[in-house]
């Protein structure tokens, strides 16, 4: 077998593995991050009242208790959904909106650096959510299983 054929076969194998593993890796990493953030909110005290005026409209008129509840449970339930790959595109959109609001309200005025409470992580999470929103959860997911069941 020629080297070019072996290289082509290797690329094909990497493509097959990558289609399954890459979205799973993104889902698991994002799930961990959103779970940690949601858990800190769940076990901590509500500081949204301090920054409510920085939220974009209409979120700046929503009582901070409701915003806190929605953010906490979006992160916790979203993390669980990402782990199993359930409703991944919709969960991804919800988490992207949550992340963009956090970027705008908390991080935008502090520059890029994470150490300065900058927007670097919000940017990274947003970019990592895009493939999941646009391409879905991948083969190793409940979404893929359900899609196969509904089509067959």
N, C-alpha and C. Protein backbone atom coordinates (compact mmCIF):
# COMPACT_ATOMS: atom_id res chain seq x y z
N UNK A 1 0.85 -1.18 0.00
CA UNK A 1 0.00 0.00 0.00
C UNK A 1 0.89 1.24 0.00
N UNK A 2 0.56 2.18 -0.84
CA UNK A 2 1.35 3.40 -0.95
C UNK A 2 1.15 4.29 0.28
N UNK A 3 2.14 5.11 0.52
CA UNK A 3 2.08 6.04 1.66
C UNK A 3 0.89 6.97 1.54
N UNK A 4 0.57 7.40 0.33
CA UNK A 4 -0.57 8.32 0.16
C UNK A 4 -1.89 7.63 0.50
N UNK A 5 -1.99 6.33 0.20
CA UNK A 5 -3.19 5.58 0.56
C UNK A 5 -3.30 5.40 2.07
N UNK A 6 -2.14 5.10 2.69
CA UNK A 6 -2.13 4.96 4.15
C UNK A 6 -2.48 6.27 4.83
N UNK A 7 -1.95 7.35 4.30
CA UNK A 7 -2.26 8.67 4.85
C UNK A 7 -3.75 8.99 4.67
N UNK A 8 -4.29 8.65 3.51
CA UNK A 8 -5.73 8.86 3.27
C UNK A 8 -6.58 8.02 4.20
N UNK A 9 -6.17 6.77 4.45
CA UNK A 9 -6.91 5.90 5.36
C UNK A 9 -6.84 6.44 6.79
N UNK A 10 -5.67 6.95 7.16
CA UNK A 10 -5.53 7.54 8.49
C UNK A 10 -6.44 8.76 8.64
N UNK A 11 -6.48 9.60 7.63
CA UNK A 11 -7.36 10.77 7.67
C UNK A 11 -8.82 10.36 7.78
N UNK A 12 -9.21 9.33 7.04
CA UNK A 12 -10.60 8.84 7.11
C UNK A 12 -10.93 8.33 8.51
N UNK A 13 -10.00 7.60 9.11
CA UNK A 13 -10.22 7.07 10.45
C UNK A 13 -10.31 8.21 11.47
N UNK A 14 -9.43 9.20 11.36
CA UNK A 14 -9.48 10.36 12.25
C UNK A 14 -10.79 11.12 12.08
N UNK A 15 -11.27 11.22 10.85
CA UNK A 15 -12.56 11.88 10.62
C UNK A 15 -13.68 11.14 11.34
N UNK A 16 -13.70 9.80 11.24
CA UNK A 16 -14.74 9.01 11.90
C UNK A 16 -14.69 9.17 13.42
N UNK A 17 -13.49 9.10 13.97
CA UNK A 17 -13.33 9.25 15.41
C UNK A 17 -13.65 10.69 15.82
N UNK A 18 -13.17 11.64 15.07
CA UNK A 18 -13.36 13.05 15.40
C UNK A 18 -14.81 13.47 15.43
N UNK A 19 -15.61 12.95 14.50
CA UNK A 19 -17.03 13.30 14.46
C UNK A 19 -17.73 12.86 15.75
N UNK A 20 -17.25 11.79 16.35
CA UNK A 20 -17.86 11.30 17.59
C UNK A 20 -17.24 11.96 18.83
N UNK A 21 -15.92 12.07 18.84
CA UNK A 21 -15.23 12.47 20.06
C UNK A 21 -15.17 13.99 20.25
N UNK A 22 -14.97 14.74 19.18
CA UNK A 22 -14.80 16.19 19.32
C UNK A 22 -16.02 16.86 19.95
N UNK A 23 -17.26 16.59 19.46
CA UNK A 23 -18.40 17.22 20.13
C UNK A 23 -18.58 16.75 21.57
N UNK A 24 -18.27 15.49 21.85
CA UNK A 24 -18.35 14.98 23.22
C UNK A 24 -17.37 15.74 24.12
N UNK A 25 -16.15 15.95 23.65
CA UNK A 25 -15.16 16.68 24.44
C UNK A 25 -15.63 18.11 24.72
N UNK A 26 -16.16 18.78 23.71
CA UNK A 26 -16.70 20.13 23.92
C UNK A 26 -17.83 20.12 24.93
N UNK A 27 -18.74 19.16 24.77
CA UNK A 27 -19.89 19.08 25.68
C UNK A 27 -19.44 18.87 27.12
N UNK A 28 -18.49 17.96 27.33
CA UNK A 28 -18.04 17.65 28.69
C UNK A 28 -17.29 18.82 29.33
N UNK A 29 -16.44 19.47 28.56
CA UNK A 29 -15.72 20.63 29.10
C UNK A 29 -16.68 21.75 29.46
N UNK A 30 -17.60 22.07 28.55
CA UNK A 30 -18.57 23.13 28.83
C UNK A 30 -19.49 22.75 29.97
N UNK A 31 -19.89 21.48 30.04
CA UNK A 31 -20.76 21.03 31.13
C UNK A 31 -20.07 21.24 32.47
N UNK A 32 -18.81 20.91 32.55
CA UNK A 32 -18.07 21.11 33.80
C UNK A 32 -18.07 22.58 34.20
N UNK A 33 -17.77 23.44 33.26
CA UNK A 33 -17.68 24.88 33.55
C UNK A 33 -19.03 25.46 33.96
N UNK A 34 -20.09 25.10 33.23
CA UNK A 34 -21.41 25.63 33.58
C UNK A 34 -21.91 25.02 34.89
N UNK A 35 -21.60 23.75 35.14
CA UNK A 35 -21.99 23.14 36.41
C UNK A 35 -21.33 23.86 37.57
N UNK A 36 -20.03 24.10 37.47
CA UNK A 36 -19.33 24.82 38.54
C UNK A 36 -19.95 26.18 38.79
N UNK A 37 -20.24 26.91 37.74
CA UNK A 37 -20.83 28.24 37.88
C UNK A 37 -22.23 28.15 38.49
N UNK A 38 -23.03 27.22 38.02
CA UNK A 38 -24.37 27.04 38.56
C UNK A 38 -24.34 26.58 40.01
N UNK A 39 -23.41 25.69 40.34
CA UNK A 39 -23.30 25.19 41.72
C UNK A 39 -22.89 26.31 42.67
N UNK A 40 -21.98 27.18 42.22
CA UNK A 40 -21.59 28.31 43.06
C UNK A 40 -22.79 29.24 43.31
N UNK A 41 -23.62 29.41 42.31
CA UNK A 41 -24.82 30.22 42.51
C UNK A 41 -25.79 29.50 43.45
N UNK A 42 -25.96 28.21 43.25
CA UNK A 42 -26.90 27.42 44.05
C UNK A 42 -26.53 27.44 45.53
N UNK A 43 -25.24 27.36 45.81
CA UNK A 43 -24.78 27.30 47.20
C UNK A 43 -24.36 28.67 47.75
N UNK A 44 -24.36 29.68 46.91
CA UNK A 44 -23.90 31.00 47.34
C UNK A 44 -25.04 31.98 47.52
N UNK A 45 -24.67 33.23 47.72
CA UNK A 45 -25.68 34.28 47.89
C UNK A 45 -25.82 35.07 46.60
N UNK A 46 -27.00 35.60 46.42
CA UNK A 46 -27.37 36.32 45.20
C UNK A 46 -26.68 37.68 45.17
N UNK A 47 -25.79 37.88 44.21
CA UNK A 47 -25.12 39.17 44.03
C UNK A 47 -25.63 39.90 42.80
N UNK A 48 -26.70 39.38 42.16
CA UNK A 48 -27.23 40.02 40.96
C UNK A 48 -27.84 41.40 41.26
N UNK A 49 -28.33 41.61 42.47
CA UNK A 49 -28.91 42.91 42.81
C UNK A 49 -27.86 44.01 42.67
N UNK A 50 -26.60 43.67 42.95
CA UNK A 50 -25.51 44.65 42.85
C UNK A 50 -25.22 45.08 41.41
N UNK A 51 -25.54 44.23 40.45
CA UNK A 51 -25.20 44.53 39.05
C UNK A 51 -26.43 44.60 38.15
N UNK A 52 -27.62 44.58 38.72
CA UNK A 52 -28.84 44.55 37.92
C UNK A 52 -28.88 45.70 36.90
N UNK A 53 -28.41 46.86 37.28
CA UNK A 53 -28.40 47.99 36.37
C UNK A 53 -27.49 47.81 35.16
N UNK A 54 -26.56 46.86 35.24
CA UNK A 54 -25.65 46.60 34.13
C UNK A 54 -26.22 45.57 33.14
N UNK A 55 -27.29 44.88 33.52
CA UNK A 55 -27.90 43.91 32.61
C UNK A 55 -28.53 44.65 31.44
N UNK A 56 -28.51 44.06 30.25
CA UNK A 56 -29.18 44.69 29.10
C UNK A 56 -30.70 44.62 29.28
N UNK A 57 -31.39 45.57 28.66
CA UNK A 57 -32.85 45.54 28.68
C UNK A 57 -33.32 44.31 27.91
N UNK A 58 -34.30 43.62 28.34
CA UNK A 58 -35.24 43.82 29.43
C UNK A 58 -34.80 43.16 30.74
N UNK A 59 -33.61 42.54 30.75
CA UNK A 59 -33.17 41.83 31.95
C UNK A 59 -32.89 42.76 33.12
N UNK A 60 -32.64 44.02 32.84
CA UNK A 60 -32.37 44.96 33.92
C UNK A 60 -33.63 45.35 34.70
N UNK A 61 -34.81 44.97 34.21
CA UNK A 61 -36.05 45.26 34.95
C UNK A 61 -36.63 44.00 35.60
N UNK A 62 -36.01 42.87 35.34
CA UNK A 62 -36.44 41.61 35.97
C UNK A 62 -35.88 41.60 37.39
N UNK A 63 -36.69 41.24 38.37
CA UNK A 63 -36.16 41.18 39.75
C UNK A 63 -34.94 40.27 39.83
N UNK A 64 -33.92 40.69 40.58
CA UNK A 64 -32.68 39.92 40.64
C UNK A 64 -32.87 38.49 41.15
N UNK A 65 -33.89 38.26 41.97
CA UNK A 65 -34.16 36.90 42.45
C UNK A 65 -34.55 35.98 41.30
N UNK A 66 -35.33 36.51 40.37
CA UNK A 66 -35.75 35.72 39.20
C UNK A 66 -34.56 35.49 38.28
N UNK A 67 -33.76 36.53 38.04
CA UNK A 67 -32.57 36.38 37.19
C UNK A 67 -31.61 35.36 37.78
N UNK A 68 -31.42 35.42 39.10
CA UNK A 68 -30.52 34.49 39.78
C UNK A 68 -31.03 33.06 39.63
N UNK A 69 -32.32 32.86 39.86
CA UNK A 69 -32.94 31.54 39.73
C UNK A 69 -32.76 31.01 38.31
N UNK A 70 -33.06 31.85 37.31
CA UNK A 70 -32.95 31.42 35.91
C UNK A 70 -31.50 31.10 35.53
N UNK A 71 -30.58 31.94 35.95
CA UNK A 71 -29.17 31.69 35.63
C UNK A 71 -28.68 30.41 36.30
N UNK A 72 -29.00 30.24 37.57
CA UNK A 72 -28.57 29.05 38.31
C UNK A 72 -29.07 27.78 37.66
N UNK A 73 -30.37 27.72 37.40
CA UNK A 73 -30.95 26.49 36.87
C UNK A 73 -30.64 26.28 35.40
N UNK A 74 -30.42 27.35 34.66
CA UNK A 74 -29.97 27.19 33.27
C UNK A 74 -28.60 26.55 33.23
N UNK A 75 -27.72 26.97 34.13
CA UNK A 75 -26.39 26.39 34.16
C UNK A 75 -26.40 24.96 34.67
N UNK A 76 -27.14 24.67 35.72
CA UNK A 76 -27.15 23.31 36.26
C UNK A 76 -27.84 22.32 35.32
N UNK A 77 -29.03 22.66 34.88
CA UNK A 77 -29.74 21.75 33.97
C UNK A 77 -29.07 21.70 32.60
N UNK A 78 -28.54 22.84 32.17
CA UNK A 78 -27.81 22.87 30.90
C UNK A 78 -26.59 21.98 30.94
N UNK A 79 -25.88 21.96 32.06
CA UNK A 79 -24.70 21.10 32.20
C UNK A 79 -25.09 19.62 32.10
N UNK A 80 -26.17 19.25 32.75
CA UNK A 80 -26.63 17.86 32.68
C UNK A 80 -27.01 17.49 31.26
N UNK A 81 -27.73 18.39 30.60
CA UNK A 81 -28.14 18.14 29.21
C UNK A 81 -26.92 18.01 28.30
N UNK A 82 -25.91 18.82 28.52
CA UNK A 82 -24.69 18.72 27.70
C UNK A 82 -23.98 17.39 27.91
N UNK A 83 -23.92 16.92 29.14
CA UNK A 83 -23.24 15.65 29.41
C UNK A 83 -23.87 14.52 28.61
N UNK A 84 -25.19 14.45 28.61
CA UNK A 84 -25.85 13.34 27.91
C UNK A 84 -26.16 13.68 26.46
N UNK A 85 -26.00 14.94 26.08
CA UNK A 85 -26.26 15.33 24.70
C UNK A 85 -27.74 15.38 24.39
N UNK A 86 -28.52 15.99 25.25
CA UNK A 86 -29.97 16.09 25.07
C UNK A 86 -30.36 17.53 24.75
N UNK A 87 -31.06 17.72 23.65
CA UNK A 87 -31.50 19.05 23.21
C UNK A 87 -30.31 20.00 23.13
N UNK A 88 -29.22 19.51 22.65
CA UNK A 88 -27.95 20.22 22.71
C UNK A 88 -27.99 21.56 22.00
N UNK A 89 -28.60 21.62 20.84
CA UNK A 89 -28.64 22.89 20.11
C UNK A 89 -29.43 23.94 20.89
N UNK A 90 -30.54 23.55 21.47
CA UNK A 90 -31.38 24.50 22.22
C UNK A 90 -30.70 24.90 23.53
N UNK A 91 -30.13 23.93 24.20
CA UNK A 91 -29.39 24.22 25.43
C UNK A 91 -28.21 25.12 25.10
N UNK A 92 -27.54 24.85 24.00
CA UNK A 92 -26.41 25.68 23.58
C UNK A 92 -26.82 27.13 23.35
N UNK A 93 -27.97 27.34 22.73
CA UNK A 93 -28.46 28.70 22.51
C UNK A 93 -28.75 29.37 23.85
N UNK A 94 -29.41 28.66 24.75
CA UNK A 94 -29.72 29.23 26.06
C UNK A 94 -28.44 29.60 26.82
N UNK A 95 -27.46 28.71 26.79
CA UNK A 95 -26.21 28.99 27.49
C UNK A 95 -25.41 30.10 26.80
N UNK A 96 -25.51 30.18 25.48
CA UNK A 96 -24.85 31.27 24.76
C UNK A 96 -25.46 32.61 25.16
N UNK A 97 -26.76 32.69 25.23
CA UNK A 97 -27.42 33.93 25.66
C UNK A 97 -26.99 34.28 27.08
N UNK A 98 -27.00 33.30 27.97
CA UNK A 98 -26.56 33.52 29.35
C UNK A 98 -25.13 34.03 29.38
N UNK A 99 -24.26 33.44 28.58
CA UNK A 99 -22.86 33.83 28.53
C UNK A 99 -22.68 35.24 27.98
N UNK A 100 -23.44 35.56 26.94
CA UNK A 100 -23.34 36.91 26.36
C UNK A 100 -23.83 37.97 27.34
N UNK A 101 -24.87 37.66 28.10
CA UNK A 101 -25.34 38.59 29.12
C UNK A 101 -24.27 38.78 30.20
N UNK A 102 -23.63 37.68 30.61
CA UNK A 102 -22.55 37.78 31.60
C UNK A 102 -21.38 38.60 31.04
N UNK A 103 -21.06 38.37 29.78
CA UNK A 103 -19.99 39.12 29.13
C UNK A 103 -20.30 40.61 29.18
N UNK A 104 -21.50 40.96 28.76
CA UNK A 104 -21.93 42.36 28.69
C UNK A 104 -22.01 42.99 30.08
N UNK A 105 -22.58 42.26 31.02
CA UNK A 105 -22.89 42.82 32.34
C UNK A 105 -21.73 42.81 33.32
N UNK A 106 -20.90 41.79 33.25
CA UNK A 106 -19.88 41.59 34.28
C UNK A 106 -18.46 41.78 33.74
N UNK A 107 -18.18 41.29 32.56
CA UNK A 107 -16.79 41.17 32.11
C UNK A 107 -16.33 42.21 31.09
N UNK A 108 -17.23 42.82 30.34
CA UNK A 108 -16.84 43.66 29.21
C UNK A 108 -15.98 44.85 29.62
N UNK A 109 -16.26 45.43 30.73
CA UNK A 109 -15.52 46.62 31.14
C UNK A 109 -14.16 46.35 31.76
N UNK A 110 -13.76 45.08 31.82
CA UNK A 110 -12.51 44.73 32.50
C UNK A 110 -11.42 44.26 31.55
N UNK A 111 -11.62 44.43 30.27
CA UNK A 111 -10.62 43.98 29.31
C UNK A 111 -10.70 42.49 29.04
N UNK A 112 -9.63 41.97 28.46
CA UNK A 112 -9.60 40.58 27.99
C UNK A 112 -9.12 39.60 29.06
N UNK A 113 -8.21 39.98 29.90
CA UNK A 113 -7.51 39.09 30.82
C UNK A 113 -8.44 38.51 31.88
N UNK A 114 -8.39 37.20 32.05
CA UNK A 114 -9.19 36.50 33.05
C UNK A 114 -8.85 36.98 34.46
N UNK A 115 -7.58 37.22 34.72
CA UNK A 115 -7.15 37.64 36.06
C UNK A 115 -7.75 38.98 36.47
N UNK A 116 -8.14 39.78 35.49
CA UNK A 116 -8.76 41.07 35.75
C UNK A 116 -10.29 41.00 35.65
N UNK A 117 -10.84 39.77 35.68
CA UNK A 117 -12.27 39.54 35.49
C UNK A 117 -12.72 39.94 34.09
N UNK A 118 -11.81 39.80 33.14
CA UNK A 118 -12.09 40.15 31.75
C UNK A 118 -12.96 39.13 31.06
N UNK A 119 -13.16 39.35 29.78
CA UNK A 119 -14.13 38.58 29.01
C UNK A 119 -13.55 37.36 28.28
N UNK A 120 -12.31 37.01 28.54
CA UNK A 120 -11.67 35.90 27.82
C UNK A 120 -12.46 34.60 27.93
N UNK A 121 -12.87 34.21 29.12
CA UNK A 121 -13.61 32.95 29.28
C UNK A 121 -14.98 33.02 28.61
N UNK A 122 -15.64 34.14 28.74
CA UNK A 122 -16.95 34.28 28.07
C UNK A 122 -16.79 34.13 26.56
N UNK A 123 -15.74 34.70 26.02
CA UNK A 123 -15.47 34.56 24.59
C UNK A 123 -15.18 33.10 24.23
N UNK A 124 -14.35 32.44 25.04
CA UNK A 124 -14.02 31.04 24.77
C UNK A 124 -15.26 30.14 24.84
N UNK A 125 -16.08 30.33 25.86
CA UNK A 125 -17.30 29.53 25.99
C UNK A 125 -18.23 29.77 24.81
N UNK A 126 -18.34 31.01 24.40
CA UNK A 126 -19.21 31.34 23.26
C UNK A 126 -18.74 30.65 22.00
N UNK A 127 -17.44 30.69 21.75
CA UNK A 127 -16.88 30.05 20.56
C UNK A 127 -17.04 28.53 20.64
N UNK A 128 -16.88 27.95 21.83
CA UNK A 128 -17.03 26.49 21.98
C UNK A 128 -18.48 26.05 21.84
N UNK A 129 -19.42 26.92 22.17
CA UNK A 129 -20.83 26.57 22.01
C UNK A 129 -21.27 26.57 20.54
N UNK A 130 -20.63 27.37 19.71
CA UNK A 130 -21.06 27.50 18.32
C UNK A 130 -21.08 26.17 17.55
N UNK A 131 -20.04 25.33 17.61
CA UNK A 131 -20.15 24.05 16.89
C UNK A 131 -21.29 23.17 17.39
N UNK A 132 -21.56 23.21 18.68
CA UNK A 132 -22.65 22.41 19.22
C UNK A 132 -24.00 22.94 18.75
N UNK A 133 -24.13 24.25 18.66
CA UNK A 133 -25.38 24.84 18.17
C UNK A 133 -25.55 24.57 16.68
N UNK A 134 -24.49 24.74 15.91
CA UNK A 134 -24.59 24.63 14.46
C UNK A 134 -24.55 23.19 13.95
N UNK A 135 -23.77 22.33 14.62
CA UNK A 135 -23.58 20.96 14.14
C UNK A 135 -24.25 19.90 15.00
N UNK A 136 -24.64 20.26 16.20
CA UNK A 136 -25.30 19.30 17.08
C UNK A 136 -24.33 18.63 18.03
N UNK A 137 -24.86 17.66 18.76
CA UNK A 137 -24.15 17.02 19.87
C UNK A 137 -23.16 15.95 19.43
N UNK A 138 -23.26 15.49 18.21
CA UNK A 138 -22.39 14.43 17.74
C UNK A 138 -22.99 13.05 17.94
N UNK A 139 -22.24 12.05 17.51
CA UNK A 139 -22.75 10.68 17.52
C UNK A 139 -22.93 10.10 18.92
N UNK A 140 -22.14 10.53 19.87
CA UNK A 140 -22.20 9.98 21.22
C UNK A 140 -23.13 10.84 22.07
N UNK A 141 -24.41 10.82 21.71
CA UNK A 141 -25.38 11.68 22.39
C UNK A 141 -26.78 11.10 22.31
N UNK A 142 -27.61 11.53 23.24
CA UNK A 142 -29.02 11.17 23.19
C UNK A 142 -29.67 11.78 21.95
N UNK A 143 -29.27 12.99 21.59
CA UNK A 143 -29.80 13.63 20.39
C UNK A 143 -29.62 12.75 19.16
N UNK A 144 -28.41 12.21 18.99
CA UNK A 144 -28.13 11.36 17.83
C UNK A 144 -28.98 10.09 17.87
N UNK A 145 -29.10 9.50 19.04
CA UNK A 145 -29.90 8.29 19.20
C UNK A 145 -31.37 8.59 18.87
N UNK A 146 -31.89 9.69 19.42
CA UNK A 146 -33.29 10.05 19.16
C UNK A 146 -33.53 10.35 17.68
N UNK A 147 -32.59 11.04 17.08
CA UNK A 147 -32.72 11.36 15.66
C UNK A 147 -32.79 10.08 14.82
N UNK A 148 -31.94 9.11 15.16
CA UNK A 148 -31.96 7.83 14.46
C UNK A 148 -33.27 7.08 14.67
N UNK A 149 -33.80 7.12 15.88
CA UNK A 149 -35.06 6.45 16.19
C UNK A 149 -36.23 7.09 15.46
N UNK A 150 -36.24 8.41 15.41
CA UNK A 150 -37.34 9.12 14.77
C UNK A 150 -37.31 8.99 13.26
N UNK A 151 -36.12 8.87 12.68
CA UNK A 151 -36.01 8.71 11.22
C UNK A 151 -36.31 7.28 10.80
N UNK A 152 -35.97 6.32 11.66
CA UNK A 152 -36.15 4.91 11.28
C UNK A 152 -37.45 4.42 11.74
